[in-house]
Amino acid sequence: MADSLPIRCSNRSMKRVVSFAVHHGWDVERTRGGHLRFLKAGCPPVFTGYSPSDARAEKNVLARLRRIQKQQEGEA
């Protein structure tokens, strides 16, 4: 399946975050502590909760991923 995600997500907002990250070249892993780790060569890792209770968690992690990616592109 071409649309499958590398990990199972607990809610719709995390599915959107993971699919955004995968589409933009990030690797997504689940930590032993139950968090999500986003990795990309040349970028610092980004961590977020697997099932965040904060209503803004999705927007915050998307902004963090975009910010880091933009910073990396500016340095290249």
C-alpha atoms as a PDB file:
ATOM      1  CA  MET A   1       0.000   0.000   0.000  1.00  0.00           C
ATOM      2  CA  ALA A   2       1.519   3.286  -1.067  1.00  0.00           C
ATOM      3  CA  ASP A   3      -0.487   5.322   1.451  1.00  0.00           C
ATOM      4  CA  SER A   4       0.448   3.275   4.502  1.00  0.00           C
ATOM      5  CA  LEU A   5       2.160   5.033   7.397  1.00  0.00           C
ATOM      6  CA  PRO A   6       5.319   3.700   9.061  1.00  0.00           C
ATOM      7  CA  ILE A   7       3.572   3.488  12.454  1.00  0.00           C
ATOM      8  CA  ARG A   8       0.030   3.144  13.739  1.00  0.00           C
ATOM      9  CA  CYS A   9      -1.435   6.403  15.009  1.00  0.00           C
ATOM     10  CA  SER A  10      -3.839   6.822  17.867  1.00  0.00           C
ATOM     11  CA  ASN A  11      -5.831   9.715  16.468  1.00  0.00           C
ATOM     12  CA  ARG A  12      -6.530  11.655  13.301  1.00  0.00           C
ATOM     13  CA  SER A  13      -4.288  14.604  14.153  1.00  0.00           C
ATOM     14  CA  MET A  14      -1.219  12.392  14.633  1.00  0.00           C
ATOM     15  CA  LYS A  15      -1.993  10.633  11.337  1.00  0.00           C
ATOM     16  CA  ARG A  16      -1.874  14.028   9.629  1.00  0.00           C
ATOM     17  CA  VAL A  17       1.437  14.876  11.325  1.00  0.00           C
ATOM     18  CA  VAL A  18       3.026  11.529  10.417  1.00  0.00           C
ATOM     19  CA  SER A  19       1.851  11.669   6.800  1.00  0.00           C
ATOM     20  CA  PHE A  20       3.147  15.268   6.486  1.00  0.00           C
ATOM     21  CA  ALA A  21       6.523  14.227   7.902  1.00  0.00           C
ATOM     22  CA  VAL A  22       6.851  11.148   5.684  1.00  0.00           C
ATOM     23  CA  HIS A  23       5.855  13.173   2.617  1.00  0.00           C
ATOM     24  CA  HIS A  24       8.632  15.678   3.404  1.00  0.00           C
ATOM     25  CA  GLY A  25      11.333  13.048   3.917  1.00  0.00           C
ATOM     26  CA  TRP A  26      11.288  12.563   7.696  1.00  0.00           C
ATOM     27  CA  ASP A  27      11.654   9.118   9.262  1.00  0.00           C
ATOM     28  CA  VAL A  28       9.171   8.454  12.058  1.00  0.00           C
ATOM     29  CA  GLU A  29       9.858   6.116  14.967  1.00  0.00           C
ATOM     30  CA  ARG A  30       8.128   5.274  18.200  1.00  0.00           C
ATOM     31  CA  THR A  31      10.342   5.543  21.286  1.00  0.00           C
ATOM     32  CA  ARG A  32      10.317   3.057  24.152  1.00  0.00           C
ATOM     33  CA  GLY A  33       8.676   5.752  26.274  1.00  0.00           C
ATOM     34  CA  GLY A  34       5.721   6.019  23.900  1.00  0.00           C
ATOM     35  CA  HIS A  35       6.629   9.231  22.076  1.00  0.00           C
ATOM     36  CA  LEU A  36       7.125   9.862  18.377  1.00  0.00           C
ATOM     37  CA  ARG A  37      10.595  10.741  17.088  1.00  0.00           C
ATOM     38  CA  PHE A  38      10.981  12.459  13.723  1.00  0.00           C
ATOM     39  CA  LEU A  39      14.426  12.098  12.142  1.00  0.00           C
ATOM     40  CA  LYS A  40      15.930  13.639   9.029  1.00  0.00           C
ATOM     41  CA  ALA A  41      19.565  13.805   7.959  1.00  0.00           C
ATOM     42  CA  GLY A  42      21.110  17.142   8.874  1.00  0.00           C
ATOM     43  CA  CYS A  43      18.260  18.103  11.225  1.00  0.00           C
ATOM     44  CA  PRO A  44      17.923  17.733  14.981  1.00  0.00           C
ATOM     45  CA  PRO A  45      15.366  15.120  16.081  1.00  0.00           C
ATOM     46  CA  VAL A  46      11.845  16.291  16.898  1.00  0.00           C
ATOM     47  CA  PHE A  47       9.869  14.562  19.648  1.00  0.00           C
ATOM     48  CA  THR A  48       6.167  14.687  20.428  1.00  0.00           C
ATOM     49  CA  GLY A  49       3.664  12.673  22.419  1.00  0.00           C
ATOM     50  CA  TYR A  50       1.993   9.695  20.783  1.00  0.00           C
ATOM     51  CA  SER A  51      -1.472  10.679  21.971  1.00  0.00           C
ATOM     52  CA  PRO A  52      -1.206  14.296  23.072  1.00  0.00           C
ATOM     53  CA  SER A  53      -4.014  15.768  25.127  1.00  0.00           C
ATOM     54  CA  ASP A  54      -3.135  19.333  24.148  1.00  0.00           C
ATOM     55  CA  ALA A  55      -5.442  20.697  21.450  1.00  0.00           C
ATOM     56  CA  ARG A  56      -2.540  22.583  19.826  1.00  0.00           C
ATOM     57  CA  ALA A  57      -0.100  19.655  19.775  1.00  0.00           C
ATOM     58  CA  GLU A  58      -0.664  18.934  16.077  1.00  0.00           C
ATOM     59  CA  LYS A  59      -0.078  22.550  15.048  1.00  0.00           C
ATOM     60  CA  ASN A  60       2.956  22.870  17.323  1.00  0.00           C
ATOM     61  CA  VAL A  61       4.762  19.818  15.957  1.00  0.00           C
ATOM     62  CA  LEU A  62       3.910  20.714  12.345  1.00  0.00           C
ATOM     63  CA  ALA A  63       5.327  24.197  12.913  1.00  0.00           C
ATOM     64  CA  ARG A  64       8.456  22.725  14.494  1.00  0.00           C
ATOM     65  CA  LEU A  65       9.006  20.353  11.545  1.00  0.00           C
ATOM     66  CA  ARG A  66       8.489  23.163   9.012  1.00  0.00           C
ATOM     67  CA  ARG A  67      10.773  25.528  10.923  1.00  0.00           C
ATOM     68  CA  ILE A  68      13.611  23.013  11.135  1.00  0.00           C
ATOM     69  CA  GLN A  69      13.221  22.034   7.496  1.00  0.00           C
ATOM     70  CA  LYS A  70      13.233  25.675   6.356  1.00  0.00           C
ATOM     71  CA  GLN A  71      16.309  26.372   8.480  1.00  0.00           C
ATOM     72  CA  GLN A  72      18.112  23.382   6.950  1.00  0.00           C
ATOM     73  CA  GLU A  73      17.226  24.487   3.409  1.00  0.00           C
ATOM     74  CA  GLY A  74      18.512  27.983   4.171  1.00  0.00           C
ATOM     75  CA  GLU A  75      21.876  26.625   5.319  1.00  0.00           C
ATOM     76  CA  ALA A  76      22.318  24.409   2.261  1.00  0.00           C
END
